[in-house]
Amino acid sequence: MTPETSAPGLAQFIPFIAIFFIFYLLLIKPEKNKQRQRKEMIANLKKNDQIVTAGGIHGTVVNVKETTLLIRIDDTVKIEIDKDAVSSLVTK
């Protein structure tokens, strides 16, 4: 075997580097952006925001605590949920 027929060390890894870069751009980066936006949304919740929980419960924020929220789901029904249970904020 002659040295001209073997590929240089770095040239063998270029396809793997390209695949990883494409994988990062298509899967990892968008997921990180979604997580960042969700954390910001949860951190910015305030009284009278309309929310939907992960279980599908629609309610209005009554009180914001450090790790929980008190939400009103009916005129006389209030429940306390973890902030992590908030799925989305209903646009006003």
PDB file of N, CA and C in Angstrom:
ATOM      1  N   MET A   1       0.856  -1.170   0.000  1.00  0.00           N
ATOM      2  CA  MET A   1       0.000   0.000   0.000  1.00  0.00           C
ATOM      3  C   MET A   1       0.905   1.237   0.000  1.00  0.00           C
ATOM      4  N   THR A   2       0.566   2.160  -0.856  1.00  0.00           N
ATOM      5  CA  THR A   2       1.372   3.372  -0.963  1.00  0.00           C
ATOM      6  C   THR A   2       0.718   4.490  -0.177  1.00  0.00           C
ATOM      7  N   PRO A   3       1.483   5.459   0.271  1.00  0.00           N
ATOM      8  CA  PRO A   3       0.920   6.565   1.054  1.00  0.00           C
ATOM      9  C   PRO A   3      -0.077   7.404   0.264  1.00  0.00           C
ATOM     10  N   GLU A   4       0.000   7.416  -1.068  1.00  0.00           N
ATOM     11  CA  GLU A   4      -0.917   8.238  -1.857  1.00  0.00           C
ATOM     12  C   GLU A   4      -2.345   7.688  -1.840  1.00  0.00           C
ATOM     13  N   THR A   5      -2.532   6.416  -1.615  1.00  0.00           N
ATOM     14  CA  THR A   5      -3.867   5.820  -1.667  1.00  0.00           C
ATOM     15  C   THR A   5      -4.635   5.978  -0.365  1.00  0.00           C
ATOM     16  N   SER A   6      -3.980   6.192   0.744  1.00  0.00           N
ATOM     17  CA  SER A   6      -4.691   6.362   2.014  1.00  0.00           C
ATOM     18  C   SER A   6      -5.069   7.831   2.202  1.00  0.00           C
ATOM     19  N   ALA A   7      -6.261   8.062   2.752  1.00  0.00           N
ATOM     20  CA  ALA A   7      -6.747   9.426   2.966  1.00  0.00           C
ATOM     21  C   ALA A   7      -6.078  10.015   4.200  1.00  0.00           C
ATOM     22  N   PRO A   8      -5.888  11.320   4.214  1.00  0.00           N
ATOM     23  CA  PRO A   8      -5.332  11.964   5.406  1.00  0.00           C
ATOM     24  C   PRO A   8      -6.278  11.775   6.600  1.00  0.00           C
ATOM     25  N   GLY A   9      -5.753  11.871   7.813  1.00  0.00           N
ATOM     26  CA  GLY A   9      -6.534  11.623   9.022  1.00  0.00           C
ATOM     27  C   GLY A   9      -7.768  12.501   9.156  1.00  0.00           C
ATOM     28  N   LEU A  10      -7.647  13.778   8.909  1.00  0.00           N
ATOM     29  CA  LEU A  10      -8.776  14.698   9.074  1.00  0.00           C
ATOM     30  C   LEU A  10      -9.826  14.503   7.995  1.00  0.00           C
ATOM     31  N   ALA A  11      -9.412  14.148   6.801  1.00  0.00           N
ATOM     32  CA  ALA A  11     -10.354  13.968   5.690  1.00  0.00           C
ATOM     33  C   ALA A  11     -11.321  12.829   5.962  1.00  0.00           C
ATOM     34  N   GLN A  12     -10.943  11.869   6.774  1.00  0.00           N
ATOM     35  CA  GLN A  12     -11.837  10.764   7.107  1.00  0.00           C
ATOM     36  C   GLN A  12     -12.967  11.223   8.019  1.00  0.00           C
ATOM     37  N   PHE A  13     -12.748  12.262   8.785  1.00  0.00           N
ATOM     38  CA  PHE A  13     -13.750  12.714   9.749  1.00  0.00           C
ATOM     39  C   PHE A  13     -14.643  13.829   9.226  1.00  0.00           C
ATOM     40  N   ILE A  14     -14.351  14.372   8.073  1.00  0.00           N
ATOM     41  CA  ILE A  14     -15.152  15.474   7.523  1.00  0.00           C
ATOM     42  C   ILE A  14     -16.617  15.080   7.334  1.00  0.00           C
ATOM     43  N   PRO A  15     -16.952  13.908   6.800  1.00  0.00           N
ATOM     44  CA  PRO A  15     -18.376  13.548   6.694  1.00  0.00           C
ATOM     45  C   PRO A  15     -19.066  13.468   8.061  1.00  0.00           C
ATOM     46  N   PHE A  16     -18.379  12.947   9.071  1.00  0.00           N
ATOM     47  CA  PHE A  16     -18.974  12.867  10.407  1.00  0.00           C
ATOM     48  C   PHE A  16     -19.192  14.252  10.998  1.00  0.00           C
ATOM     49  N   ILE A  17     -18.253  15.133  10.778  1.00  0.00           N
ATOM     50  CA  ILE A  17     -18.390  16.511  11.266  1.00  0.00           C
ATOM     51  C   ILE A  17     -19.559  17.204  10.568  1.00  0.00           C
ATOM     52  N   ALA A  18     -19.691  16.991   9.274  1.00  0.00           N
ATOM     53  CA  ALA A  18     -20.795  17.596   8.519  1.00  0.00           C
ATOM     54  C   ALA A  18     -22.141  17.045   8.992  1.00  0.00           C
ATOM     55  N   ILE A  19     -22.226  15.755   9.218  1.00  0.00           N
ATOM     56  CA  ILE A  19     -23.480  15.149   9.692  1.00  0.00           C
ATOM     57  C   ILE A  19     -23.835  15.695  11.069  1.00  0.00           C
ATOM     58  N   PHE A  20     -22.857  15.793  11.965  1.00  0.00           N
ATOM     59  CA  PHE A  20     -23.125  16.339  13.286  1.00  0.00           C
ATOM     60  C   PHE A  20     -23.589  17.787  13.204  1.00  0.00           C
ATOM     61  N   PHE A  21     -22.964  18.586  12.346  1.00  0.00           N
ATOM     62  CA  PHE A  21     -23.343  19.985  12.188  1.00  0.00           C
ATOM     63  C   PHE A  21     -24.788  20.100  11.691  1.00  0.00           C
ATOM     64  N   ILE A  22     -25.169  19.292  10.717  1.00  0.00           N
ATOM     65  CA  ILE A  22     -26.547  19.307  10.207  1.00  0.00           C
ATOM     66  C   ILE A  22     -27.511  18.846  11.299  1.00  0.00           C
ATOM     67  N   PHE A  23     -27.143  17.806  12.020  1.00  0.00           N
ATOM     68  CA  PHE A  23     -27.957  17.305  13.124  1.00  0.00           C
ATOM     69  C   PHE A  23     -28.166  18.403  14.163  1.00  0.00           C
ATOM     70  N   TYR A  24     -27.114  19.140  14.487  1.00  0.00           N
ATOM     71  CA  TYR A  24     -27.208  20.222  15.456  1.00  0.00           C
ATOM     72  C   TYR A  24     -28.160  21.309  14.966  1.00  0.00           C
ATOM     73  N   LEU A  25     -28.013  21.717  13.713  1.00  0.00           N
ATOM     74  CA  LEU A  25     -28.846  22.797  13.174  1.00  0.00           C
ATOM     75  C   LEU A  25     -30.314  22.408  13.077  1.00  0.00           C
ATOM     76  N   LEU A  26     -30.593  21.152  12.749  1.00  0.00           N
ATOM     77  CA  LEU A  26     -31.975  20.733  12.532  1.00  0.00           C
ATOM     78  C   LEU A  26     -32.684  20.256  13.790  1.00  0.00           C
ATOM     79  N   LEU A  27     -31.960  19.722  14.761  1.00  0.00           N
ATOM     80  CA  LEU A  27     -32.621  19.138  15.923  1.00  0.00           C
ATOM     81  C   LEU A  27     -32.273  19.795  17.255  1.00  0.00           C
ATOM     82  N   ILE A  28     -31.017  19.971  17.529  1.00  0.00           N
ATOM     83  CA  ILE A  28     -30.615  20.422  18.860  1.00  0.00           C
ATOM     84  C   ILE A  28     -30.899  21.906  19.074  1.00  0.00           C
ATOM     85  N   LYS A  29     -30.510  22.751  18.143  1.00  0.00           N
ATOM     86  CA  LYS A  29     -30.678  24.198  18.308  1.00  0.00           C
ATOM     87  C   LYS A  29     -32.153  24.616  18.408  1.00  0.00           C
ATOM     88  N   PRO A  30     -33.046  24.120  17.543  1.00  0.00           N
ATOM     89  CA  PRO A  30     -34.460  24.511  17.703  1.00  0.00           C
ATOM     90  C   PRO A  30     -35.056  24.062  19.038  1.00  0.00           C
ATOM     91  N   GLU A  31     -34.653  22.888  19.524  1.00  0.00           N
ATOM     92  CA  GLU A  31     -35.162  22.411  20.807  1.00  0.00           C
ATOM     93  C   GLU A  31     -34.673  23.292  21.960  1.00  0.00           C
ATOM     94  N   LYS A  32     -33.439  23.733  21.906  1.00  0.00           N
ATOM     95  CA  LYS A  32     -32.923  24.644  22.932  1.00  0.00           C
ATOM     96  C   LYS A  32     -33.676  25.968  22.907  1.00  0.00           C
ATOM     97  N   ASN A  33     -34.000  26.457  21.710  1.00  0.00           N
ATOM     98  CA  ASN A  33     -34.758  27.705  21.602  1.00  0.00           C
ATOM     99  C   ASN A  33     -36.146  27.549  22.206  1.00  0.00           C
ATOM    100  N   LYS A  34     -36.814  26.414  21.961  1.00  0.00           N
ATOM    101  CA  LYS A  34     -38.136  26.172  22.534  1.00  0.00           C
ATOM    102  C   LYS A  34     -38.067  26.131  24.054  1.00  0.00           C
ATOM    103  N   GLN A  35     -37.049  25.458  24.595  1.00  0.00           N
ATOM    104  CA  GLN A  35     -36.891  25.385  26.048  1.00  0.00           C
ATOM    105  C   GLN A  35     -36.651  26.763  26.643  1.00  0.00           C
ATOM    106  N   ARG A  36     -35.829  27.575  25.994  1.00  0.00           N
ATOM    107  CA  ARG A  36     -35.546  28.924  26.478  1.00  0.00           C
ATOM    108  C   ARG A  36     -36.812  29.773  26.460  1.00  0.00           C
ATOM    109  N   GLN A  37     -37.603  29.693  25.384  1.00  0.00           N
ATOM    110  CA  GLN A  37     -38.835  30.469  25.298  1.00  0.00           C
ATOM    111  C   GLN A  37     -39.840  30.034  26.360  1.00  0.00           C
ATOM    112  N   ARG A  38     -39.929  28.725  26.621  1.00  0.00           N
ATOM    113  CA  ARG A  38     -40.861  28.228  27.632  1.00  0.00           C
ATOM    114  C   ARG A  38     -40.448  28.719  29.015  1.00  0.00           C
ATOM    115  N   LYS A  39     -39.142  28.684  29.327  1.00  0.00           N
ATOM    116  CA  LYS A  39     -38.672  29.177  30.619  1.00  0.00           C
ATOM    117  C   LYS A  39     -38.983  30.662  30.787  1.00  0.00           C
ATOM    118  N   GLU A  40     -38.793  31.432  29.726  1.00  0.00           N
ATOM    119  CA  GLU A  40     -39.111  32.863  29.783  1.00  0.00           C
ATOM    120  C   GLU A  40     -40.601  33.072  29.993  1.00  0.00           C
ATOM    121  N   MET A  41     -41.430  32.290  29.307  1.00  0.00           N
ATOM    122  CA  MET A  41     -42.876  32.416  29.444  1.00  0.00           C
ATOM    123  C   MET A  41     -43.299  32.115  30.873  1.00  0.00           C
ATOM    124  N   ILE A  42     -42.756  31.062  31.450  1.00  0.00           N
ATOM    125  CA  ILE A  42     -43.112  30.697  32.825  1.00  0.00           C
ATOM    126  C   ILE A  42     -42.609  31.751  33.813  1.00  0.00           C
ATOM    127  N   ALA A  43     -41.429  32.280  33.586  1.00  0.00           N
ATOM    128  CA  ALA A  43     -40.882  33.297  34.489  1.00  0.00           C
ATOM    129  C   ALA A  43     -41.668  34.605  34.426  1.00  0.00           C
ATOM    130  N   ASN A  44     -42.317  34.885  33.293  1.00  0.00           N
ATOM    131  CA  ASN A  44     -43.033  36.147  33.116  1.00  0.00           C
ATOM    132  C   ASN A  44     -44.528  36.038  33.389  1.00  0.00           C
ATOM    133  N   LEU A  45     -44.991  34.920  33.941  1.00  0.00           N
ATOM    134  CA  LEU A  45     -46.415  34.801  34.261  1.00  0.00           C
ATOM    135  C   LEU A  45     -46.788  35.785  35.358  1.00  0.00           C
ATOM    136  N   LYS A  46     -47.975  36.370  35.226  1.00  0.00           N
ATOM    137  CA  LYS A  46     -48.445  37.321  36.223  1.00  0.00           C
ATOM    138  C   LYS A  46     -49.940  37.153  36.415  1.00  0.00           C
ATOM    139  N   LYS A  47     -50.472  37.850  37.369  1.00  0.00           N
ATOM    140  CA  LYS A  47     -51.888  37.763  37.701  1.00  0.00           C
ATOM    141  C   LYS A  47     -52.738  38.107  36.482  1.00  0.00           C
ATOM    142  N   ASN A  48     -53.836  37.396  36.324  1.00  0.00           N
ATOM    143  CA  ASN A  48     -54.839  37.556  35.262  1.00  0.00           C
ATOM    144  C   ASN A  48     -54.384  37.025  33.899  1.00  0.00           C
ATOM    145  N   ASP A  49     -53.252  36.325  33.821  1.00  0.00           N
ATOM    146  CA  ASP A  49     -52.864  35.674  32.570  1.00  0.00           C
ATOM    147  C   ASP A  49     -53.707  34.426  32.367  1.00  0.00           C
ATOM    148  N   GLN A  50     -54.141  34.205  31.151  1.00  0.00           N
ATOM    149  CA  GLN A  50     -54.888  33.005  30.795  1.00  0.00           C
ATOM    150  C   GLN A  50     -53.888  31.928  30.395  1.00  0.00           C
ATOM    151  N   ILE A  51     -53.974  30.747  31.027  1.00  0.00           N
ATOM    152  CA  ILE A  51     -53.020  29.680  30.751  1.00  0.00           C
ATOM    153  C   ILE A  51     -53.736  28.368  30.454  1.00  0.00           C
ATOM    154  N   VAL A  52     -52.980  27.441  29.885  1.00  0.00           N
ATOM    155  CA  VAL A  52     -53.430  26.071  29.694  1.00  0.00           C
ATOM    156  C   VAL A  52     -52.367  25.180  30.315  1.00  0.00           C
ATOM    157  N   THR A  53     -52.791  24.226  31.145  1.00  0.00           N
ATOM    158  CA  THR A  53     -51.835  23.331  31.787  1.00  0.00           C
ATOM    159  C   THR A  53     -51.535  22.149  30.880  1.00  0.00           C
ATOM    160  N   ALA A  54     -50.540  21.364  31.272  1.00  0.00           N
ATOM    161  CA  ALA A  54     -50.172  20.172  30.504  1.00  0.00           C
ATOM    162  C   ALA A  54     -51.315  19.160  30.493  1.00  0.00           C
ATOM    163  N   GLY A  55     -52.166  19.193  31.492  1.00  0.00           N
ATOM    164  CA  GLY A  55     -53.321  18.297  31.550  1.00  0.00           C
ATOM    165  C   GLY A  55     -54.522  18.813  30.782  1.00  0.00           C
ATOM    166  N   GLY A  56     -54.404  20.010  30.187  1.00  0.00           N
ATOM    167  CA  GLY A  56     -55.489  20.571  29.390  1.00  0.00           C
ATOM    168  C   GLY A  56     -56.452  21.455  30.161  1.00  0.00           C
ATOM    169  N   ILE A  57     -56.124  21.802  31.384  1.00  0.00           N
ATOM    170  CA  ILE A  57     -56.991  22.655  32.193  1.00  0.00           C
ATOM    171  C   ILE A  57     -56.741  24.113  31.818  1.00  0.00           C
ATOM    172  N   HIS A  58     -57.814  24.811  31.491  1.00  0.00           N
ATOM    173  CA  HIS A  58     -57.734  26.237  31.170  1.00  0.00           C
ATOM    174  C   HIS A  58     -58.056  27.015  32.437  1.00  0.00           C
ATOM    175  N   GLY A  59     -57.272  28.051  32.712  1.00  0.00           N
ATOM    176  CA  GLY A  59     -57.524  28.829  33.904  1.00  0.00           C
ATOM    177  C   GLY A  59     -56.887  30.198  33.843  1.00  0.00           C
ATOM    178  N   THR A  60     -57.174  30.980  34.873  1.00  0.00           N
ATOM    179  CA  THR A  60     -56.649  32.330  35.008  1.00  0.00           C
ATOM    180  C   THR A  60     -55.763  32.383  36.243  1.00  0.00           C
ATOM    181  N   VAL A  61     -54.581  32.943  36.113  1.00  0.00           N
ATOM    182  CA  VAL A  61     -53.650  33.030  37.236  1.00  0.00           C
ATOM    183  C   VAL A  61     -54.200  34.016  38.263  1.00  0.00           C
ATOM    184  N   VAL A  62     -54.283  33.555  39.504  1.00  0.00           N
ATOM    185  CA  VAL A  62     -54.758  34.392  40.601  1.00  0.00           C
ATOM    186  C   VAL A  62     -53.589  34.870  41.445  1.00  0.00           C
ATOM    187  N   ASN A  63     -52.624  33.975  41.696  1.00  0.00           N
ATOM    188  CA  ASN A  63     -51.493  34.305  42.545  1.00  0.00           C
ATOM    189  C   ASN A  63     -50.255  33.568  42.039  1.00  0.00           C
ATOM    190  N   VAL A  64     -49.131  34.267  41.993  1.00  0.00           N
ATOM    191  CA  VAL A  64     -47.867  33.668  41.553  1.00  0.00           C
ATOM    192  C   VAL A  64     -46.969  33.524  42.767  1.00  0.00           C
ATOM    193  N   LYS A  65     -46.543  32.284  43.024  1.00  0.00           N
ATOM    194  CA  LYS A  65     -45.602  32.015  44.111  1.00  0.00           C
ATOM    195  C   LYS A  65     -44.272  31.622  43.496  1.00  0.00           C
ATOM    196  N   GLU A  66     -43.316  31.243  44.347  1.00  0.00           N
ATOM    197  CA  GLU A  66     -41.978  30.935  43.855  1.00  0.00           C
ATOM    198  C   GLU A  66     -41.970  29.751  42.892  1.00  0.00           C
ATOM    199  N   THR A  67     -42.620  28.652  43.267  1.00  0.00           N
ATOM    200  CA  THR A  67     -42.619  27.459  42.406  1.00  0.00           C
ATOM    201  C   THR A  67     -44.006  27.023  41.977  1.00  0.00           C
ATOM    202  N   THR A  68     -45.046  27.668  42.479  1.00  0.00           N
ATOM    203  CA  THR A  68     -46.413  27.271  42.153  1.00  0.00           C
ATOM    204  C   THR A  68     -47.244  28.464  41.710  1.00  0.00           C
ATOM    205  N   LEU A  69     -48.392  28.139  41.148  1.00  0.00           N
ATOM    206  CA  LEU A  69     -49.380  29.143  40.742  1.00  0.00           C
ATOM    207  C   LEU A  69     -50.727  28.756  41.324  1.00  0.00           C
ATOM    208  N   LEU A  70     -51.497  29.727  41.723  1.00  0.00           N
ATOM    209  CA  LEU A  70     -52.884  29.508  42.106  1.00  0.00           C
ATOM    210  C   LEU A  70     -53.711  29.977  40.922  1.00  0.00           C
ATOM    211  N   ILE A  71     -54.484  29.053  40.340  1.00  0.00           N
ATOM    212  CA  ILE A  71     -55.279  29.434  39.171  1.00  0.00           C
ATOM    213  C   ILE A  71     -56.759  29.223  39.450  1.00  0.00           C
ATOM    214  N   ARG A  72     -57.567  30.074  38.823  1.00  0.00           N
ATOM    215  CA  ARG A  72     -59.028  29.987  38.930  1.00  0.00           C
ATOM    216  C   ARG A  72     -59.524  29.302  37.672  1.00  0.00           C
ATOM    217  N   ILE A  73     -60.249  28.191  37.856  1.00  0.00           N
ATOM    218  CA  ILE A  73     -60.778  27.485  36.692  1.00  0.00           C
ATOM    219  C   ILE A  73     -62.287  27.646  36.572  1.00  0.00           C
ATOM    220  N   ASP A  74     -62.917  28.164  37.624  1.00  0.00           N
ATOM    221  CA  ASP A  74     -64.342  28.488  37.609  1.00  0.00           C
ATOM    222  C   ASP A  74     -64.552  29.589  38.646  1.00  0.00           C
ATOM    223  N   ASP A  75     -65.758  30.101  38.767  1.00  0.00           N
ATOM    224  CA  ASP A  75     -66.004  31.209  39.690  1.00  0.00           C
ATOM    225  C   ASP A  75     -65.604  30.874  41.123  1.00  0.00           C
ATOM    226  N   THR A  76     -65.860  29.658  41.570  1.00  0.00           N
ATOM    227  CA  THR A  76     -65.570  29.300  42.958  1.00  0.00           C
ATOM    228  C   THR A  76     -64.475  28.241  43.091  1.00  0.00           C
ATOM    229  N   VAL A  77     -63.865  27.838  41.995  1.00  0.00           N
ATOM    230  CA  VAL A  77     -62.876  26.764  42.035  1.00  0.00           C
ATOM    231  C   VAL A  77     -61.485  27.318  41.730  1.00  0.00           C
ATOM    232  N   LYS A  78     -60.590  27.123  42.699  1.00  0.00           N
ATOM    233  CA  LYS A  78     -59.191  27.531  42.520  1.00  0.00           C
ATOM    234  C   LYS A  78     -58.315  26.326  42.832  1.00  0.00           C
ATOM    235  N   ILE A  79     -57.253  26.147  42.043  1.00  0.00           N
ATOM    236  CA  ILE A  79     -56.320  25.051  42.303  1.00  0.00           C
ATOM    237  C   ILE A  79     -54.897  25.590  42.263  1.00  0.00           C
ATOM    238  N   GLU A  80     -54.012  24.898  42.977  1.00  0.00           N
ATOM    239  CA  GLU A  80     -52.606  25.279  42.985  1.00  0.00           C
ATOM    240  C   GLU A  80     -51.839  24.253  42.155  1.00  0.00           C
ATOM    241  N   ILE A  81     -51.035  24.743  41.220  1.00  0.00           N
ATOM    242  CA  ILE A  81     -50.277  23.868  40.332  1.00  0.00           C
ATOM    243  C   ILE A  81     -48.807  24.290  40.331  1.00  0.00           C
ATOM    244  N   ASP A  82     -47.939  23.372  39.930  1.00  0.00           N
ATOM    245  CA  ASP A  82     -46.532  23.717  39.728  1.00  0.00           C
ATOM    246  C   ASP A  82     -46.405  24.585  38.494  1.00  0.00           C
ATOM    247  N   LYS A  83     -45.436  25.465  38.497  1.00  0.00           N
ATOM    248  CA  LYS A  83     -45.197  26.304  37.322  1.00  0.00           C
ATOM    249  C   LYS A  83     -44.813  25.455  36.110  1.00  0.00           C
ATOM    250  N   ASP A  84     -44.135  24.332  36.366  1.00  0.00           N
ATOM    251  CA  ASP A  84     -43.724  23.467  35.265  1.00  0.00           C
ATOM    252  C   ASP A  84     -44.908  22.810  34.560  1.00  0.00           C
ATOM    253  N   ALA A  85     -46.082  22.812  35.187  1.00  0.00           N
ATOM    254  CA  ALA A  85     -47.262  22.210  34.581  1.00  0.00           C
ATOM    255  C   ALA A  85     -47.913  23.125  33.543  1.00  0.00           C
ATOM    256  N   VAL A  86     -47.475  24.361  33.451  1.00  0.00           N
ATOM    257  CA  VAL A  86     -48.044  25.296  32.478  1.00  0.00           C
ATOM    258  C   VAL A  86     -47.539  24.916  31.089  1.00  0.00           C
ATOM    259  N   SER A  87     -48.490  24.678  30.211  1.00  0.00           N
ATOM    260  CA  SER A  87     -48.144  24.273  28.852  1.00  0.00           C
ATOM    261  C   SER A  87     -48.042  25.465  27.916  1.00  0.00           C
ATOM    262  N   SER A  88     -49.015  26.376  28.022  1.00  0.00           N
ATOM    263  CA  SER A  88     -48.983  27.532  27.132  1.00  0.00           C
ATOM    264  C   SER A  88     -49.737  28.699  27.760  1.00  0.00           C
ATOM    265  N   LEU A  89     -49.436  29.848  27.239  1.00  0.00           N
ATOM    266  CA  LEU A  89     -50.080  31.088  27.629  1.00  0.00           C
ATOM    267  C   LEU A  89     -51.046  31.449  26.507  1.00  0.00           C
ATOM    268  N   VAL A  90     -52.324  31.642  26.871  1.00  0.00           N
ATOM    269  CA  VAL A  90     -53.320  32.002  25.859  1.00  0.00           C
ATOM    270  C   VAL A  90     -53.138  33.473  25.518  1.00  0.00           C
ATOM    271  N   THR A  91     -53.020  33.768  24.234  1.00  0.00           N
ATOM    272  CA  THR A  91     -52.816  35.153  23.816  1.00  0.00           C
ATOM    273  C   THR A  91     -54.056  35.972  24.141  1.00  0.00           C
ATOM    274  N   LYS A  92     -53.800  37.211  24.477  1.00  0.00           N
ATOM    275  CA  LYS A  92     -54.892  38.097  24.879  1.00  0.00           C
ATOM    276  C   LYS A  92     -55.529  38.753  23.687  1.00  0.00           C
TER     277      LYS A  92
END
